[in-house]
């Protein structure tokens, strides 16, 4: 393959832009609207929380529908359509006055938005990179964390400008996402190398380690259909992976702020510092996790990540006993490094276990179970800590981390059996 023919670097830039702009602005900053909208329109926080739940499941449904359209139709045109649809919904939201209207409009918005965030990012990177796939995936997803850090103060400034500043912020968000994403779709998005007469990225590495060989073989495998994949034993292990990741990430991260403040009793000062450190470390962890996955393989990398998660949770447990504020930063460092798991692991694992033949459909279907795990995780933490306290809760999540590793091992073993059974695809 001649490097001058390879167009994947532009595609990687497109993936990073999709992460930095739509994900960073509409996804990572959406929580900023809760307080101002509730205050302006008189909604309760509980009623607004349903907006997030409804939007999440609408996104999962949208991903399953849009995955098929991206595979069968012109991806550029479809991306323009979902961009216009999502941005139009955000503009219409500024006219909403009843909570049910927000439920409806953000459910519709997230159906469209599913075609702008994780789904196209994972599709594009998987199609264009056989080697260094996890690294490229992690770079793209890390752009979302950076986007949240960059856009959060901008959106907050718009919101704070007046009592209805949230409306200005939504219109600004829709305008930026609309313009940048349409241009990105038309100029940089390219669905697959085959359509442009080139091949996926391959390093030609002479690394003869077993992990490197196995990873290269899996990345090059065309794979099986969604029908075959979802009937295999590997599929049930994959469901275990996405459920565990969803439960672990949401169950811990959504409750740590309240937990830290309940111990510190400082009005939230320590909480802010902990979360700031966590955000910075997680960006580096995202990139490092992907690179480690390419170097060591998925199984060993997840083992390392599971150990880091357990150390981070042990830090929270020790903090709950001693009240030593230094200990809580073990969470901000160790747990944060491992948080490449929710995005990078499922995206890379799907192509490794099931190949690339029906990647988008399989990934979108599995994502539904990730969201179920995430929704369940937050509720589960509330139940356990209400009965046994936060200390026992963190021990419970250590067990979840172990189950995650076992599920990954089972999925990879199951994928190897599928590859042996269908070496040329089904």
Protein backbone atom coordinates (compact mmCIF):
# COMPACT_ATOMS: atom_id res chain seq x y z
CA UNK A 1 0.00 0.00 0.00
CA UNK A 2 1.37 3.38 -1.00
CA UNK A 3 1.01 5.94 1.74
CA UNK A 4 -0.01 8.67 -0.75
CA UNK A 5 -3.17 6.72 -1.54
CA UNK A 6 -4.18 6.30 2.08
CA UNK A 7 -7.01 8.67 2.98
CA UNK A 8 -7.52 7.41 6.51
CA UNK A 9 -5.74 10.27 8.23
CA UNK A 10 -8.42 12.67 7.03
CA UNK A 11 -11.02 10.19 8.24
CA UNK A 12 -9.32 10.11 11.66
CA UNK A 13 -9.52 13.91 11.75
CA UNK A 14 -13.23 13.60 10.95
CA UNK A 15 -13.68 11.16 13.83
CA UNK A 16 -11.90 13.55 16.20
CA UNK A 17 -14.09 16.45 15.05
CA UNK A 18 -17.25 14.39 15.57
CA UNK A 19 -16.04 13.66 19.08
CA UNK A 20 -14.91 17.22 19.84
CA UNK A 21 -17.96 19.04 18.42
CA UNK A 22 -21.25 17.04 18.54
CA UNK A 23 -20.17 14.85 21.47
CA UNK A 24 -18.34 17.63 23.30
CA UNK A 25 -21.12 20.21 22.90
CA UNK A 26 -24.39 18.26 22.80
CA UNK A 27 -23.36 15.23 24.83
CA UNK A 28 -20.81 16.24 27.45
CA UNK A 29 -22.34 19.66 28.17
CA UNK A 30 -26.00 18.65 28.28
CA UNK A 31 -26.01 18.37 32.08
CA UNK A 32 -25.36 22.13 32.28
CA UNK A 33 -28.96 22.80 31.20
CA UNK A 34 -30.66 21.02 34.11
CA UNK A 35 -30.50 23.81 36.71
CA UNK A 36 -31.28 26.82 34.45
CA UNK A 37 -34.16 25.13 32.60
CA UNK A 38 -35.72 23.85 35.83
CA UNK A 39 -35.37 27.25 37.46
CA UNK A 40 -36.75 29.16 34.46
CA UNK A 41 -39.71 26.87 33.76
CA UNK A 42 -40.39 25.55 37.25
CA UNK A 43 -39.56 21.87 36.62
CA UNK A 44 -38.35 19.54 39.34
CA UNK A 45 -34.90 18.00 39.04
CA UNK A 46 -36.51 14.55 39.13
CA UNK A 47 -38.74 15.30 36.15
CA UNK A 48 -35.77 16.66 34.18
CA UNK A 49 -33.74 13.55 35.00
CA UNK A 50 -36.19 11.58 32.88
CA UNK A 51 -35.06 13.65 29.90
CA UNK A 52 -31.63 12.05 30.21
CA UNK A 53 -33.05 8.54 30.56
CA UNK A 54 -35.44 8.88 27.62
CA UNK A 55 -32.75 10.49 25.47
CA UNK A 56 -30.27 7.69 26.22
CA UNK A 57 -32.60 4.92 25.10
CA UNK A 58 -33.76 6.95 22.10
CA UNK A 59 -30.08 7.22 21.14
CA UNK A 60 -29.68 3.44 21.33
CA UNK A 61 -32.72 2.90 19.11
CA UNK A 62 -31.49 5.57 16.72
CA UNK A 63 -28.08 3.92 16.48
CA UNK A 64 -29.61 0.61 15.43
CA UNK A 65 -31.66 2.30 12.69
CA UNK A 66 -28.92 4.63 11.48
CA UNK A 67 -26.30 1.85 11.45
CA UNK A 68 -28.23 0.13 8.68
CA UNK A 69 -28.66 3.37 6.75
CA UNK A 70 -24.95 4.19 7.01
CA UNK A 71 -24.09 0.75 5.65
CA UNK A 72 -26.61 0.77 2.78
CA UNK A 73 -26.98 4.43 1.82
CA UNK A 74 -24.58 7.30 1.08
CA UNK A 75 -22.97 7.95 4.48
CA UNK A 76 -22.17 11.59 3.70
CA UNK A 77 -25.76 12.43 2.79
CA UNK A 78 -27.19 10.51 5.72
CA UNK A 79 -24.84 12.32 8.08
CA UNK A 80 -25.99 15.68 6.73
CA UNK A 81 -29.62 14.63 7.27
CA UNK A 82 -29.11 13.53 10.89
CA UNK A 83 -27.09 16.69 11.60
CA UNK A 84 -29.88 18.95 10.34
CA UNK A 85 -32.45 16.88 12.25
CA UNK A 86 -30.56 17.01 15.54
CA UNK A 87 -29.77 20.72 15.32
CA UNK A 88 -33.36 21.56 14.35
CA UNK A 89 -34.55 19.76 17.48
CA UNK A 90 -32.23 21.82 19.66
CA UNK A 91 -33.57 25.01 18.09
CA UNK A 92 -37.17 23.89 18.63
CA UNK A 93 -36.35 23.05 22.27
CA UNK A 94 -35.96 26.77 22.99
CA UNK A 95 -39.72 27.15 22.40
CA UNK A 96 -40.71 24.32 24.78
CA UNK A 97 -42.60 25.24 27.94
CA UNK A 98 -43.83 21.87 29.24
CA UNK A 99 -41.68 18.98 30.45
CA UNK A 100 -43.39 16.47 28.12
CA UNK A 101 -42.28 18.64 25.20
CA UNK A 102 -38.66 18.29 26.30
CA UNK A 103 -39.13 14.51 26.59
CA UNK A 104 -40.39 14.39 23.02
CA UNK A 105 -37.92 16.80 21.44
CA UNK A 106 -34.79 15.34 23.03
CA UNK A 107 -35.90 11.78 22.31
CA UNK A 108 -36.15 12.77 18.65
CA UNK A 109 -32.90 14.74 18.82
CA UNK A 110 -30.98 11.80 20.25
CA UNK A 111 -32.29 9.47 17.57
CA UNK A 112 -30.62 11.77 15.05
CA UNK A 113 -27.64 12.46 17.32
CA UNK A 114 -26.79 8.75 17.44
CA UNK A 115 -25.56 9.21 13.89
CA UNK A 116 -23.08 11.90 14.93
CA UNK A 117 -21.30 10.48 17.96
CA UNK A 118 -20.07 7.01 18.93
CA UNK A 119 -21.56 5.07 16.00
CA UNK A 120 -19.85 6.89 13.09
CA UNK A 121 -16.61 7.29 15.06
CA UNK A 122 -16.34 3.56 15.71
CA UNK A 123 -17.44 2.70 12.13
CA UNK A 124 -14.91 4.99 10.48
CA UNK A 125 -11.93 4.05 12.63
CA UNK A 126 -12.71 0.33 12.37
CA UNK A 127 -13.00 0.51 8.58
CA UNK A 128 -9.81 2.50 7.98
CA UNK A 129 -7.41 1.06 10.56
CA UNK A 130 -6.54 -2.61 10.81
CA UNK A 131 -3.36 -1.94 12.77
CA UNK A 132 -3.27 0.54 15.66
CA UNK A 133 -7.07 0.42 15.67
CA UNK A 134 -7.41 0.77 19.44
CA UNK A 135 -4.92 3.65 19.51
CA UNK A 136 -6.76 5.56 16.80
CA UNK A 137 -10.10 4.83 18.45
CA UNK A 138 -8.84 6.15 21.77
CA UNK A 139 -7.45 9.32 20.17
CA UNK A 140 -10.82 9.99 18.57
CA UNK A 141 -12.76 9.40 21.78
CA UNK A 142 -10.29 11.43 23.86
CA UNK A 143 -11.26 14.40 21.72
CA UNK A 144 -14.72 14.20 23.32
CA UNK A 145 -13.30 14.66 26.80
CA UNK A 146 -11.21 17.57 25.53
CA UNK A 147 -14.32 18.99 23.86
CA UNK A 148 -16.25 18.85 27.11
CA UNK A 149 -13.45 20.72 28.91
CA UNK A 150 -13.25 23.39 26.18
CA UNK A 151 -16.96 23.91 25.52
CA UNK A 152 -18.24 23.67 29.10
CA UNK A 153 -17.09 27.18 30.15
CA UNK A 154 -18.33 28.61 26.83
CA UNK A 155 -21.80 27.11 27.24
CA UNK A 156 -21.85 28.10 30.92
CA UNK A 157 -21.11 31.71 29.98
CA UNK A 158 -24.05 31.81 27.57
CA UNK A 159 -26.35 30.26 30.20
CA UNK A 160 -25.27 32.77 32.85
CA UNK A 161 -25.88 35.77 30.57
CA UNK A 162 -29.59 36.01 31.49
CA UNK A 163 -32.52 34.11 32.93
CA UNK A 164 -33.17 32.58 29.53
CA UNK A 165 -29.49 32.24 28.64
CA UNK A 166 -30.01 28.50 28.22
CA UNK A 167 -31.96 29.26 25.04
CA UNK A 168 -29.07 31.25 23.61
CA UNK A 169 -26.71 28.42 24.56
CA UNK A 170 -28.86 25.85 22.76
CA UNK A 171 -29.09 27.97 19.61
CA UNK A 172 -25.33 28.55 19.67
CA UNK A 173 -24.73 24.82 20.11
CA UNK A 174 -27.05 23.94 17.24
CA UNK A 175 -25.35 26.48 14.94
CA UNK A 176 -21.79 25.30 15.70
CA UNK A 177 -22.65 21.61 15.45
CA UNK A 178 -24.66 22.15 12.28
CA UNK A 179 -22.03 24.08 10.34
CA UNK A 180 -18.95 22.14 11.43
CA UNK A 181 -20.49 18.67 11.15
CA UNK A 182 -22.01 19.24 7.70
CA UNK A 183 -18.65 20.47 6.37
CA UNK A 184 -16.86 17.54 8.03
CA UNK A 185 -19.32 15.04 6.56
CA UNK A 186 -19.03 16.38 3.03
CA UNK A 187 -15.25 16.90 2.99
CA UNK A 188 -13.62 14.36 5.33
CA UNK A 189 -16.00 11.45 5.94
CA UNK A 190 -15.25 8.39 3.78
CA UNK A 191 -17.07 5.21 4.72
CA UNK A 192 -14.49 2.60 3.71
CA UNK A 193 -11.11 2.23 1.94
CA UNK A 194 -12.59 -0.06 -0.72
CA UNK A 195 -14.87 2.73 -1.95
CA UNK A 196 -11.80 4.90 -2.61
CA UNK A 197 -9.57 2.27 -4.17
CA UNK A 198 -7.23 1.95 -1.23
CA UNK A 199 -6.65 -0.34 1.77
CA UNK A 200 -6.89 -0.01 5.56
CA UNK A 201 -3.90 1.18 7.51
CA UNK A 202 -1.32 -1.51 8.21
CA UNK A 203 2.00 -0.87 9.88
CA UNK A 204 3.85 -3.89 8.56
CA UNK A 205 5.14 -4.39 12.11
CA UNK A 206 7.56 -7.25 12.67
CA UNK A 207 6.35 -7.69 16.23
CA UNK A 208 6.15 -11.48 16.61
CA UNK A 209 4.47 -11.57 20.01
CA UNK A 210 1.46 -13.84 20.32
CA UNK A 211 -0.78 -10.94 21.33
CA UNK A 212 0.28 -8.85 18.33
CA UNK A 213 -0.26 -11.73 15.89
CA UNK A 214 -3.66 -12.59 17.33
CA UNK A 215 -4.75 -8.95 17.23
CA UNK A 216 -3.59 -8.49 13.63
CA UNK A 217 -5.40 -11.67 12.56
CA UNK A 218 -8.63 -10.56 14.26
CA UNK A 219 -8.46 -7.07 12.77
CA UNK A 220 -8.06 -8.44 9.23
CA UNK A 221 -10.85 -11.04 9.60
CA UNK A 222 -13.98 -10.15 7.60
CA UNK A 223 -16.19 -11.64 10.31
CA UNK A 224 -19.75 -12.89 10.63
CA UNK A 225 -23.21 -11.44 10.19
CA UNK A 226 -25.26 -10.00 13.03
CA UNK A 227 -27.55 -13.06 12.87
CA UNK A 228 -24.66 -15.48 13.40
CA UNK A 229 -22.96 -13.25 15.98
CA UNK A 230 -26.00 -12.88 18.23
CA UNK A 231 -26.58 -16.65 18.30
CA UNK A 232 -23.03 -17.47 19.36
CA UNK A 233 -21.70 -18.08 22.88
CA UNK A 234 -19.37 -15.11 22.36
CA UNK A 235 -22.38 -12.80 22.17
CA UNK A 236 -23.47 -13.58 25.71
CA UNK A 237 -19.96 -12.83 26.96
CA UNK A 238 -20.02 -9.55 25.02
CA UNK A 239 -23.32 -8.68 26.70
CA UNK A 240 -21.61 -9.38 30.03
CA UNK A 241 -18.83 -6.97 29.03
CA UNK A 242 -21.07 -4.06 28.03
CA UNK A 243 -23.39 -4.55 31.01
CA UNK A 244 -20.46 -4.64 33.45
CA UNK A 245 -18.82 -1.61 31.86
CA UNK A 246 -22.09 0.33 31.94
CA UNK A 247 -22.86 -0.62 35.54
CA UNK A 248 -19.30 0.10 36.67
CA UNK A 249 -18.83 3.46 34.97
CA UNK A 250 -22.24 4.97 35.74
CA UNK A 251 -22.68 3.33 39.13
CA UNK A 252 -19.43 4.77 40.44
CA UNK A 253 -18.96 8.11 38.67
CA UNK A 254 -22.51 9.41 39.25
CA UNK A 255 -22.26 8.88 43.01
CA UNK A 256 -18.67 9.85 43.80
CA UNK A 257 -19.43 13.61 44.05
CA UNK A 258 -22.14 13.02 46.66
CA UNK A 259 -19.96 10.46 48.47
CA UNK A 260 -16.94 12.79 48.67
CA UNK A 261 -19.03 15.71 49.96
CA UNK A 262 -20.84 13.52 52.49
CA UNK A 263 -17.49 12.67 54.09
CA UNK A 264 -15.70 16.00 53.67
CA UNK A 265 -18.66 18.20 54.73
CA UNK A 266 -17.02 21.16 52.97
CA UNK A 267 -19.80 22.37 50.72
CA UNK A 268 -18.41 20.62 47.65
CA UNK A 269 -14.89 22.14 47.48
CA UNK A 270 -13.05 18.80 47.61
CA UNK A 271 -15.56 17.33 45.17
CA UNK A 272 -14.69 20.00 42.57
CA UNK A 273 -10.96 19.34 42.89
CA UNK A 274 -11.43 15.57 42.69
CA UNK A 275 -13.55 15.84 39.54
CA UNK A 276 -11.13 18.27 37.88
CA UNK A 277 -8.19 15.92 38.42
CA UNK A 278 -10.33 13.01 37.24
CA UNK A 279 -11.24 14.81 34.00
CA UNK A 280 -7.63 15.63 33.14
CA UNK A 281 -6.29 12.16 33.95
CA UNK A 282 -9.09 10.42 32.04
CA UNK A 283 -8.08 12.15 28.79
CA UNK A 284 -4.54 10.76 29.06
CA UNK A 285 -5.96 7.41 30.21
CA UNK A 286 -8.12 7.24 27.09
CA UNK A 287 -5.15 7.56 24.74
CA UNK A 288 -2.86 5.38 26.85
CA UNK A 289 -5.45 2.63 27.17
CA UNK A 290 -5.87 2.35 23.41
CA UNK A 291 -2.12 2.25 22.81
CA UNK A 292 -1.72 -0.42 25.49
CA UNK A 293 -4.51 -2.45 23.89
CA UNK A 294 -2.65 -2.46 20.57
CA UNK A 295 0.63 -3.38 22.27
CA UNK A 296 -0.51 -6.03 24.76
CA UNK A 297 -3.82 -7.19 23.35
CA UNK A 298 -7.31 -6.70 24.74
CA UNK A 299 -7.24 -9.38 27.44
CA UNK A 300 -4.05 -8.21 29.18
CA UNK A 301 -5.02 -4.55 28.90
CA UNK A 302 -8.41 -5.17 30.51
CA UNK A 303 -6.66 -7.10 33.29
CA UNK A 304 -4.47 -4.05 33.95
CA UNK A 305 -7.52 -1.79 33.82
CA UNK A 306 -9.45 -4.03 36.24
CA UNK A 307 -6.55 -3.82 38.72
CA UNK A 308 -6.52 -0.02 38.39
CA UNK A 309 -10.28 0.10 38.97
CA UNK A 310 -9.92 -2.00 42.10
CA UNK A 311 -7.12 0.26 43.41
CA UNK A 312 -9.26 3.33 42.72
CA UNK A 313 -12.25 1.81 44.50
CA UNK A 314 -10.04 0.71 47.40
CA UNK A 315 -8.96 4.35 47.69
CA UNK A 316 -12.61 5.39 48.04
CA UNK A 317 -13.16 2.67 50.64
CA UNK A 318 -10.10 3.79 52.62
CA UNK A 319 -11.30 7.40 52.43
CA UNK A 320 -14.70 6.39 53.82
CA UNK A 321 -12.97 4.85 56.85
CA UNK A 322 -10.20 7.37 57.53
CA UNK A 323 -11.51 10.62 56.03
CA UNK A 324 -7.98 11.27 54.72
CA UNK A 325 -8.49 13.55 51.70
CA UNK A 326 -5.26 12.39 50.04
CA UNK A 327 -6.68 8.90 49.64
CA UNK A 328 -9.66 10.02 47.57
CA UNK A 329 -7.32 11.14 44.79
CA UNK A 330 -6.49 7.49 44.22
CA UNK A 331 -9.89 7.41 42.53
CA UNK A 332 -9.08 10.51 40.47
CA UNK A 333 -5.91 8.85 39.17
CA UNK A 334 -6.26 5.07 39.06
CA UNK A 335 -9.98 4.79 38.30
CA UNK A 336 -9.75 7.65 35.78
CA UNK A 337 -6.90 5.97 33.86
CA UNK A 338 -9.10 2.89 33.40
CA UNK A 339 -12.05 4.85 32.03
CA UNK A 340 -11.06 4.18 28.44
CA UNK A 341 -13.10 1.03 29.06
CA UNK A 342 -16.64 2.40 28.44
CA UNK A 343 -15.91 3.70 24.93
CA UNK A 344 -12.76 2.10 23.55
CA UNK A 345 -13.26 -1.45 24.84
CA UNK A 346 -16.71 -2.15 23.29
CA UNK A 347 -15.74 -0.47 20.00
CA UNK A 348 -12.57 -2.54 19.59
CA UNK A 349 -13.93 -5.75 21.11
CA UNK A 350 -16.81 -5.98 18.59
CA UNK A 351 -14.46 -6.02 15.60
CA UNK A 352 -12.07 -8.45 17.32
CA UNK A 353 -14.77 -10.95 18.28
CA UNK A 354 -17.17 -10.64 15.32
CA UNK A 355 -15.06 -9.03 12.57
CA UNK A 356 -16.04 -6.11 10.37
CA UNK A 357 -18.70 -7.67 8.12
CA UNK A 358 -21.70 -6.37 10.09
CA UNK A 359 -19.81 -4.25 12.59
CA UNK A 360 -22.17 -1.27 12.73
CA UNK A 361 -25.28 -3.34 13.37
CA UNK A 362 -23.64 -5.48 16.04
CA UNK A 363 -22.07 -2.48 17.77
CA UNK A 364 -25.35 -0.53 17.79
CA UNK A 365 -27.27 -3.51 19.23
CA UNK A 366 -24.67 -4.09 21.96
CA UNK A 367 -24.77 -0.39 22.82
CA UNK A 368 -28.39 -0.79 23.90
CA UNK A 369 -27.26 -3.18 26.64
CA UNK A 370 -24.48 -0.80 27.65
CA UNK A 371 -27.12 1.90 28.24
CA UNK A 372 -29.24 -0.56 30.22
CA UNK A 373 -26.22 -1.28 32.40
CA UNK A 374 -25.50 2.43 32.83
CA UNK A 375 -29.11 3.20 33.78
CA UNK A 376 -29.18 0.27 36.20
CA UNK A 377 -25.78 1.10 37.71
CA UNK A 378 -26.78 4.45 39.18
CA UNK A 379 -29.94 2.99 40.72
CA UNK A 380 -28.04 -0.04 42.01
CA UNK A 381 -25.54 2.17 43.84
CA UNK A 382 -28.38 4.06 45.51
CA UNK A 383 -29.92 0.79 46.72
CA UNK A 384 -26.69 -0.78 48.01
CA UNK A 385 -25.38 2.33 49.75
CA UNK A 386 -28.82 2.91 51.29
CA UNK A 387 -28.73 -0.57 52.83
CA UNK A 388 -25.04 -1.15 53.58
CA UNK A 389 -23.28 2.20 53.06
CA UNK A 390 -20.80 3.41 50.47
CA UNK A 391 -17.94 1.26 51.78
CA UNK A 392 -19.70 -2.01 50.88
CA UNK A 393 -20.83 -0.44 47.60
CA UNK A 394 -17.24 0.12 46.48
CA UNK A 395 -16.37 -3.48 47.39
CA UNK A 396 -19.31 -4.64 45.25
CA UNK A 397 -17.93 -2.75 42.27
CA UNK A 398 -14.55 -4.41 42.76
CA UNK A 399 -16.36 -7.70 42.10
CA UNK A 400 -17.95 -6.17 38.98
CA UNK A 401 -14.45 -5.28 37.72
CA UNK A 402 -13.41 -8.94 38.11
CA UNK A 403 -16.56 -10.10 36.27
CA UNK A 404 -15.72 -7.64 33.49
CA UNK A 405 -12.33 -9.24 32.94
CA UNK A 406 -13.82 -12.75 32.95
CA UNK A 407 -16.44 -11.67 30.41
CA UNK A 408 -13.77 -10.19 28.14
CA UNK A 409 -11.77 -13.41 28.32
CA UNK A 410 -14.86 -15.42 27.42
CA UNK A 411 -15.72 -13.11 24.52
CA UNK A 412 -12.23 -13.34 23.02
CA UNK A 413 -12.21 -17.13 23.34
CA UNK A 414 -15.64 -17.27 21.72
CA UNK A 415 -14.46 -14.99 18.93
CA UNK A 416 -11.53 -17.31 18.24
CA UNK A 417 -13.97 -20.21 17.85
CA UNK A 418 -16.07 -18.20 15.39
CA UNK A 419 -12.95 -17.35 13.41
CA UNK A 420 -11.98 -21.02 13.26
CA UNK A 421 -15.49 -21.97 12.16
CA UNK A 422 -15.86 -19.16 9.60
CA UNK A 423 -12.28 -18.31 8.46
CA UNK A 424 -13.61 -16.57 5.32
CA UNK A 425 -16.68 -15.17 7.04
CA UNK A 426 -20.13 -16.75 7.06
